[in-house]
C-alpha atoms as a PDB file:
ATOM      1  CA  MET A   1       8.539 -10.757 -41.877  1.00  0.00           C
ATOM      2  CA  GLY A   2       7.579  -8.897 -38.699  1.00  0.00           C
ATOM      3  CA  PHE A   3       5.012  -9.354 -36.014  1.00  0.00           C
ATOM      4  CA  ASP A   4       2.408  -6.597 -35.648  1.00  0.00           C
ATOM      5  CA  TRP A   5       0.986  -6.082 -32.141  1.00  0.00           C
ATOM      6  CA  LEU A   6      -1.520  -3.407 -33.151  1.00  0.00           C
ATOM      7  CA  HIS A   7      -4.518  -4.717 -31.164  1.00  0.00           C
ATOM      8  CA  THR A   8      -2.357  -5.763 -28.214  1.00  0.00           C
ATOM      9  CA  ARG A   9      -0.708  -2.323 -28.050  1.00  0.00           C
ATOM     10  CA  TYR A  10      -4.111  -0.613 -28.073  1.00  0.00           C
ATOM     11  CA  ALA A  11      -5.599  -2.893 -25.379  1.00  0.00           C
ATOM     12  CA  THR A  12      -2.467  -2.580 -23.204  1.00  0.00           C
ATOM     13  CA  GLY A  13      -2.543   1.204 -23.513  1.00  0.00           C
ATOM     14  CA  LYS A  14      -6.203   1.259 -22.526  1.00  0.00           C
ATOM     15  CA  PHE A  15      -5.437  -0.971 -19.516  1.00  0.00           C
ATOM     16  CA  VAL A  16      -2.531   1.134 -18.182  1.00  0.00           C
ATOM     17  CA  ARG A  17      -4.466   4.400 -18.649  1.00  0.00           C
ATOM     18  CA  LYS A  18      -7.420   2.991 -16.678  1.00  0.00           C
ATOM     19  CA  LEU A  19      -5.058   1.587 -14.046  1.00  0.00           C
ATOM     20  CA  ARG A  20      -3.359   5.007 -13.669  1.00  0.00           C
ATOM     21  CA  GLN A  21      -6.762   6.699 -13.258  1.00  0.00           C
ATOM     22  CA  ASP A  22      -7.874   4.153 -10.655  1.00  0.00           C
ATOM     23  CA  MET A  23      -4.565   4.492  -8.784  1.00  0.00           C
ATOM     24  CA  ALA A  24      -4.937   8.280  -8.753  1.00  0.00           C
ATOM     25  CA  LYS A  25      -8.494   8.003  -7.401  1.00  0.00           C
ATOM     26  CA  GLU A  26      -7.359   5.570  -4.684  1.00  0.00           C
ATOM     27  CA  LEU A  27      -4.483   7.919  -3.767  1.00  0.00           C
ATOM     28  CA  ILE A  28      -6.943  10.809  -3.388  1.00  0.00           C
ATOM     29  CA  ASP A  29      -9.498   8.716  -1.477  1.00  0.00           C
ATOM     30  CA  GLN A  30      -6.793   7.553   0.936  1.00  0.00           C
ATOM     31  CA  GLY A  31      -5.821  11.187   1.582  1.00  0.00           C
ATOM     32  CA  HIS A  32      -2.253  11.032   0.224  1.00  0.00           C
ATOM     33  CA  VAL A  33      -2.338  14.347  -1.630  1.00  0.00           C
ATOM     34  CA  ALA A  34      -0.802  16.888   0.752  1.00  0.00           C
ATOM     35  CA  SER A  35       1.158  18.651  -1.995  1.00  0.00           C
ATOM     36  CA  GLY A  36      -0.238  16.785  -5.004  1.00  0.00           C
ATOM     37  CA  ASN A  37       3.266  16.088  -6.344  1.00  0.00           C
ATOM     38  CA  LEU A  38       2.923  12.301  -6.224  1.00  0.00           C
ATOM     39  CA  LEU A  39      -0.477  12.468  -7.895  1.00  0.00           C
ATOM     40  CA  ARG A  40       0.860  14.700 -10.704  1.00  0.00           C
ATOM     41  CA  SER A  41       3.867  12.409 -11.184  1.00  0.00           C
ATOM     42  CA  LEU A  42       1.700   9.443 -12.259  1.00  0.00           C
ATOM     43  CA  LYS A  43       2.166   8.690 -15.971  1.00  0.00           C
ATOM     44  CA  SER A  44       1.151   5.746 -18.144  1.00  0.00           C
ATOM     45  CA  THR A  45       3.070   4.625 -21.218  1.00  0.00           C
ATOM     46  CA  THR A  46       2.845   1.805 -23.717  1.00  0.00           C
ATOM     47  CA  LYS A  47       5.757   0.869 -25.951  1.00  0.00           C
ATOM     48  CA  GLU A  48       7.084  -1.999 -27.973  1.00  0.00           C
ATOM     49  CA  THR A  49      10.492  -3.193 -26.807  1.00  0.00           C
ATOM     50  CA  GLN A  50      13.309  -4.301 -29.094  1.00  0.00           C
ATOM     51  CA  GLY A  51      12.343  -7.898 -28.407  1.00  0.00           C
ATOM     52  CA  LYS A  52       8.946  -7.062 -29.965  1.00  0.00           C
ATOM     53  CA  ARG A  53       7.145  -7.216 -26.637  1.00  0.00           C
ATOM     54  CA  VAL A  54       4.435  -4.740 -25.714  1.00  0.00           C
ATOM     55  CA  ARG A  55       5.043  -3.137 -22.328  1.00  0.00           C
ATOM     56  CA  GLY A  56       2.556  -0.988 -20.448  1.00  0.00           C
ATOM     57  CA  THR A  57       3.885   0.987 -17.499  1.00  0.00           C
ATOM     58  CA  VAL A  58       2.426   3.216 -14.810  1.00  0.00           C
ATOM     59  CA  SER A  59       5.202   5.287 -13.257  1.00  0.00           C
ATOM     60  CA  GLY A  60       5.498   7.971 -10.620  1.00  0.00           C
ATOM     61  CA  TYR A  61       7.720   9.137  -7.806  1.00  0.00           C
ATOM     62  CA  ALA A  62       9.462   6.171  -6.163  1.00  0.00           C
ATOM     63  CA  ARG A  63       8.454   7.366  -2.690  1.00  0.00           C
ATOM     64  CA  GLY A  64       4.870   6.471  -3.600  1.00  0.00           C
ATOM     65  CA  GLU A  65       5.707   2.780  -3.316  1.00  0.00           C
ATOM     66  CA  ARG A  66       6.239   3.276   0.422  1.00  0.00           C
ATOM     67  CA  LEU A  67       2.580   4.297   0.753  1.00  0.00           C
ATOM     68  CA  ASP A  68       1.346   0.987  -0.652  1.00  0.00           C
ATOM     69  CA  ASP A  69       2.130  -0.937   2.543  1.00  0.00           C
ATOM     70  CA  TYR A  70       3.002  -0.211   6.164  1.00  0.00           C
ATOM     71  CA  GLN A  71       6.747   0.258   6.555  1.00  0.00           C
ATOM     72  CA  ARG A  72       9.357   2.214   8.402  1.00  0.00           C
ATOM     73  CA  ASP A  73      10.775   5.285   6.713  1.00  0.00           C
ATOM     74  CA  PRO A  74      14.470   5.651   7.634  1.00  0.00           C
ATOM     75  CA  ASN A  75      14.502   9.185   6.169  1.00  0.00           C
ATOM     76  CA  LEU A  76      11.652  10.459   8.330  1.00  0.00           C
ATOM     77  CA  THR A  77      12.623  13.419  10.533  1.00  0.00           C
ATOM     78  CA  ILE A  78      10.725  15.769  12.810  1.00  0.00           C
ATOM     79  CA  ALA A  79      11.498  18.621  10.389  1.00  0.00           C
ATOM     80  CA  LYS A  80       9.916  16.655   7.511  1.00  0.00           C
ATOM     81  CA  ILE A  81       6.863  15.920   9.643  1.00  0.00           C
ATOM     82  CA  MET A  82       6.529  19.632  10.462  1.00  0.00           C
ATOM     83  CA  MET A  83       6.706  20.492   6.747  1.00  0.00           C
ATOM     84  CA  TRP A  84       4.080  17.816   6.045  1.00  0.00           C
ATOM     85  CA  MET A  85       1.865  19.317   8.779  1.00  0.00           C
ATOM     86  CA  GLU A  86       2.091  22.706   7.061  1.00  0.00           C
ATOM     87  CA  LEU A  87       1.112  21.141   3.725  1.00  0.00           C
ATOM     88  CA  LYS A  88      -1.853  19.405   5.351  1.00  0.00           C
ATOM     89  CA  ASN A  89      -3.003  22.666   6.955  1.00  0.00           C
ATOM     90  CA  SER A  90      -2.716  24.631   3.715  1.00  0.00           C
ATOM     91  CA  GLY A  91      -4.774  22.196   1.610  1.00  0.00           C
ATOM     92  CA  ALA A  92      -8.355  22.626   0.449  1.00  0.00           C
ATOM     93  CA  GLY A  93      -9.673  20.349   3.196  1.00  0.00           C
ATOM     94  CA  GLY A  94      -9.076  22.935   5.942  1.00  0.00           C
ATOM     95  CA  LYS A  95      -6.783  22.723   8.945  1.00  0.00           C
ATOM     96  CA  LYS A  96      -5.826  19.185   9.928  1.00  0.00           C
ATOM     97  CA  PHE A  97      -3.561  20.214  12.815  1.00  0.00           C
ATOM     98  CA  ASP A  98      -4.425  22.792  15.437  1.00  0.00           C
ATOM     99  CA  PHE A  99      -1.455  24.189  17.353  1.00  0.00           C
ATOM    100  CA  LYS A 100      -0.938  27.484  19.200  1.00  0.00           C
ATOM    101  CA  ASP A 101       2.785  27.998  18.696  1.00  0.00           C
ATOM    102  CA  ILE A 102       5.926  26.428  17.270  1.00  0.00           C
ATOM    103  CA  GLU A 103       6.604  24.464  20.473  1.00  0.00           C
ATOM    104  CA  GLU A 104       3.204  22.779  20.357  1.00  0.00           C
ATOM    105  CA  LYS A 105       3.715  22.064  16.647  1.00  0.00           C
ATOM    106  CA  ARG A 106       7.095  20.504  17.477  1.00  0.00           C
ATOM    107  CA  ARG A 107       5.520  18.348  20.245  1.00  0.00           C
ATOM    108  CA  ILE A 108       2.827  17.080  17.853  1.00  0.00           C
ATOM    109  CA  ALA A 109       5.491  16.320  15.230  1.00  0.00           C
ATOM    110  CA  PHE A 110       7.546  14.460  17.826  1.00  0.00           C
ATOM    111  CA  LEU A 111       4.540  12.312  18.819  1.00  0.00           C
ATOM    112  CA  ILE A 112       3.864  11.512  15.154  1.00  0.00           C
ATOM    113  CA  PHE A 113       7.547  10.651  14.723  1.00  0.00           C
ATOM    114  CA  ILE A 114       7.425   8.227  17.698  1.00  0.00           C
ATOM    115  CA  ALA A 115       4.181   6.616  16.439  1.00  0.00           C
ATOM    116  CA  ALA A 116       5.637   6.225  12.938  1.00  0.00           C
ATOM    117  CA  ASP A 117       8.791   4.659  14.368  1.00  0.00           C
ATOM    118  CA  VAL A 118       6.759   2.113  16.362  1.00  0.00           C
ATOM    119  CA  GLN A 119       3.889   1.418  13.909  1.00  0.00           C
ATOM    120  CA  GLY A 120       5.464   2.245  10.568  1.00  0.00           C
ATOM    121  CA  THR A 121       3.858   4.638   8.141  1.00  0.00           C
ATOM    122  CA  PRO A 122       1.114   5.359   7.678  1.00  0.00           C
ATOM    123  CA  THR A 123       0.157   5.034  11.326  1.00  0.00           C
ATOM    124  CA  ARG A 124      -3.083   3.334  12.359  1.00  0.00           C
ATOM    125  CA  GLY A 125      -4.527   6.691  13.467  1.00  0.00           C
ATOM    126  CA  ALA A 126      -4.008   8.135   9.986  1.00  0.00           C
ATOM    127  CA  LYS A 127      -7.177   6.405   8.747  1.00  0.00           C
ATOM    128  CA  LYS A 128      -9.235   9.350   9.993  1.00  0.00           C
ATOM    129  CA  PHE A 129      -7.770  11.399   7.104  1.00  0.00           C
ATOM    130  CA  SER A 130      -9.009   8.860   4.561  1.00  0.00           C
ATOM    131  CA  LYS A 131     -12.293   9.049   2.638  1.00  0.00           C
ATOM    132  CA  ASN A 132     -12.450   5.272   2.154  1.00  0.00           C
ATOM    133  CA  GLY A 133     -11.026   4.025   5.475  1.00  0.00           C
ATOM    134  CA  ARG A 134      -7.767   2.820   3.882  1.00  0.00           C
ATOM    135  CA  ARG A 135      -4.271   4.301   4.035  1.00  0.00           C
ATOM    136  CA  VAL A 136      -2.374   1.540   2.214  1.00  0.00           C
ATOM    137  CA  GLY A 137      -2.807  -0.385  -1.034  1.00  0.00           C
ATOM    138  CA  TRP A 138      -3.175   2.547  -3.439  1.00  0.00           C
ATOM    139  CA  ILE A 139      -1.146   0.577  -6.021  1.00  0.00           C
ATOM    140  CA  THR A 140      -2.092  -3.017  -5.169  1.00  0.00           C
ATOM    141  CA  LEU A 141      -5.870  -2.606  -4.800  1.00  0.00           C
ATOM    142  CA  PRO A 142      -6.520  -0.891  -8.172  1.00  0.00           C
ATOM    143  CA  TYR A 143      -4.262  -3.428  -9.880  1.00  0.00           C
ATOM    144  CA  MET A 144      -6.180  -6.354  -8.357  1.00  0.00           C
ATOM    145  CA  ARG A 145      -9.518  -4.733  -9.272  1.00  0.00           C
ATOM    146  CA  ASN A 146      -8.367  -4.247 -12.884  1.00  0.00           C
ATOM    147  CA  ILE A 147      -6.676  -7.613 -13.438  1.00  0.00           C
ATOM    148  CA  SER A 148      -9.927  -9.079 -14.799  1.00  0.00           C
ATOM    149  CA  TYR A 149      -9.475  -6.633 -17.708  1.00  0.00           C
ATOM    150  CA  VAL A 150      -6.421  -8.641 -18.751  1.00  0.00           C
ATOM    151  CA  ASP A 151      -8.464 -11.833 -19.023  1.00  0.00           C
ATOM    152  CA  LYS A 152     -11.510 -10.236 -20.657  1.00  0.00           C
ATOM    153  CA  GLU A 153      -9.943  -7.635 -22.954  1.00  0.00           C
ATOM    154  CA  LEU A 154      -6.192  -7.998 -23.309  1.00  0.00           C
ATOM    155  CA  ILE A 155      -5.721 -11.747 -23.859  1.00  0.00           C
ATOM    156  CA  PRO A 156      -8.330 -11.875 -26.678  1.00  0.00           C
ATOM    157  CA  LYS A 157      -6.472  -9.013 -28.413  1.00  0.00           C
ATOM    158  CA  VAL A 158      -3.175 -10.912 -28.127  1.00  0.00           C
ATOM    159  CA  ILE A 159      -4.843 -13.976 -29.654  1.00  0.00           C
ATOM    160  CA  GLU A 160      -6.327 -11.813 -32.413  1.00  0.00           C
ATOM    161  CA  ASP A 161      -2.862 -10.416 -33.223  1.00  0.00           C
ATOM    162  CA  ILE A 162      -1.292 -13.900 -33.218  1.00  0.00           C
ATOM    163  CA  ASN A 163      -3.989 -15.251 -35.544  1.00  0.00           C
ATOM    164  CA  TYR A 164      -3.680 -12.260 -37.888  1.00  0.00           C
ATOM    165  CA  ASN A 165       0.122 -12.438 -38.008  1.00  0.00           C
ATOM    166  CA  PHE A 166       0.151 -16.229 -38.435  1.00  0.00           C
ATOM    167  CA  VAL A 167      -2.204 -16.028 -41.427  1.00  0.00           C
ATOM    168  CA  LYS A 168      -0.130 -13.125 -42.833  1.00  0.00           C
ATOM    169  CA  MET A 169       3.071 -15.203 -42.546  1.00  0.00           C
ATOM    170  CA  LEU A 170       1.388 -18.192 -44.235  1.00  0.00           C
ATOM    171  CA  GLU A 171       0.158 -15.970 -47.080  1.00  0.00           C
ATOM    172  CA  GLU A 172       3.687 -14.598 -47.579  1.00  0.00           C
ATOM    173  CA  LEU A 173       5.071 -18.153 -47.573  1.00  0.00           C
ATOM    174  CA  VAL A 174       2.517 -19.290 -50.181  1.00  0.00           C
ATOM    175  CA  ALA A 175       3.244 -16.209 -52.326  1.00  0.00           C
ATOM    176  CA  LYS A 176       6.958 -17.117 -52.374  1.00  0.00           C
ATOM    177  CA  ASN A 177       6.309 -20.828 -53.056  1.00  0.00           C
ATOM    178  CA  PRO A 178       3.835 -21.425 -55.914  1.00  0.00           C
ATOM    179  CA  ASN A 179       3.677 -25.151 -55.127  1.00  0.00           C
ATOM    180  CA  LEU A 180       1.986 -24.434 -51.781  1.00  0.00           C
ATOM    181  CA  LYS A 181      -1.709 -23.699 -51.397  1.00  0.00           C
ATOM    182  CA  LEU A 182      -3.347 -21.999 -48.437  1.00  0.00           C
ATOM    183  CA  ILE A 183      -6.581 -23.684 -47.317  1.00  0.00           C
ATOM    184  CA  LYS A 184      -8.799 -21.462 -45.162  1.00  0.00           C
END
C-alpha cells in the first residue's frame, strides 16, 4: 500500500518552474547578468524523496545567494572587479565604464573596491544599472510574490491526493475483509 503524490508532484513542479522563471526575470531586471553564467545555472527540479515527500528545488551557482542581500564579499579583489568591468563593457547594453588607460581602469576598480568594503555589495550606486531600481532580493522577492500559489494551487492538490489515497486504502482494506462495507 503506497501513497501516490501525482497531483502534488505536478503542482509542485509547476510552482518551481514558475519561480525559476520569475527569479531569472528579476535577476535580469536587476542587471546581474554580466556574463550570464548565474542566469544559465538556474535549474528547477521536482522529485519524490525516499520518505515519500515531494520536493521542488530551484538551484544555481551558490554565489548568487550573495546577490539577494547586501553583504561583504571577503573574496572580492581589485583584479576581480577589473574582470567584472570588462564583462560589463562587453555586454549588449554598451559600455558601462569609460576609461582611457589601464591606470584609470585600476583607479575606478579601486574606488569600487573601497565602496564595496564600506557599503557591502551591491553598492548603493549600483542601482543605476538596474531596470527596476532594485539590486537585491532576486531570490526573496519572486518567492514572496509566488507564495500565494502554494495556498491557491498546491495545498488543494495535496488535499486531493490525500483524499484519493485514503479512499484507495479503504477500498483495499474492504477488499481484503469481506465483513467490512465501504459507505460513500
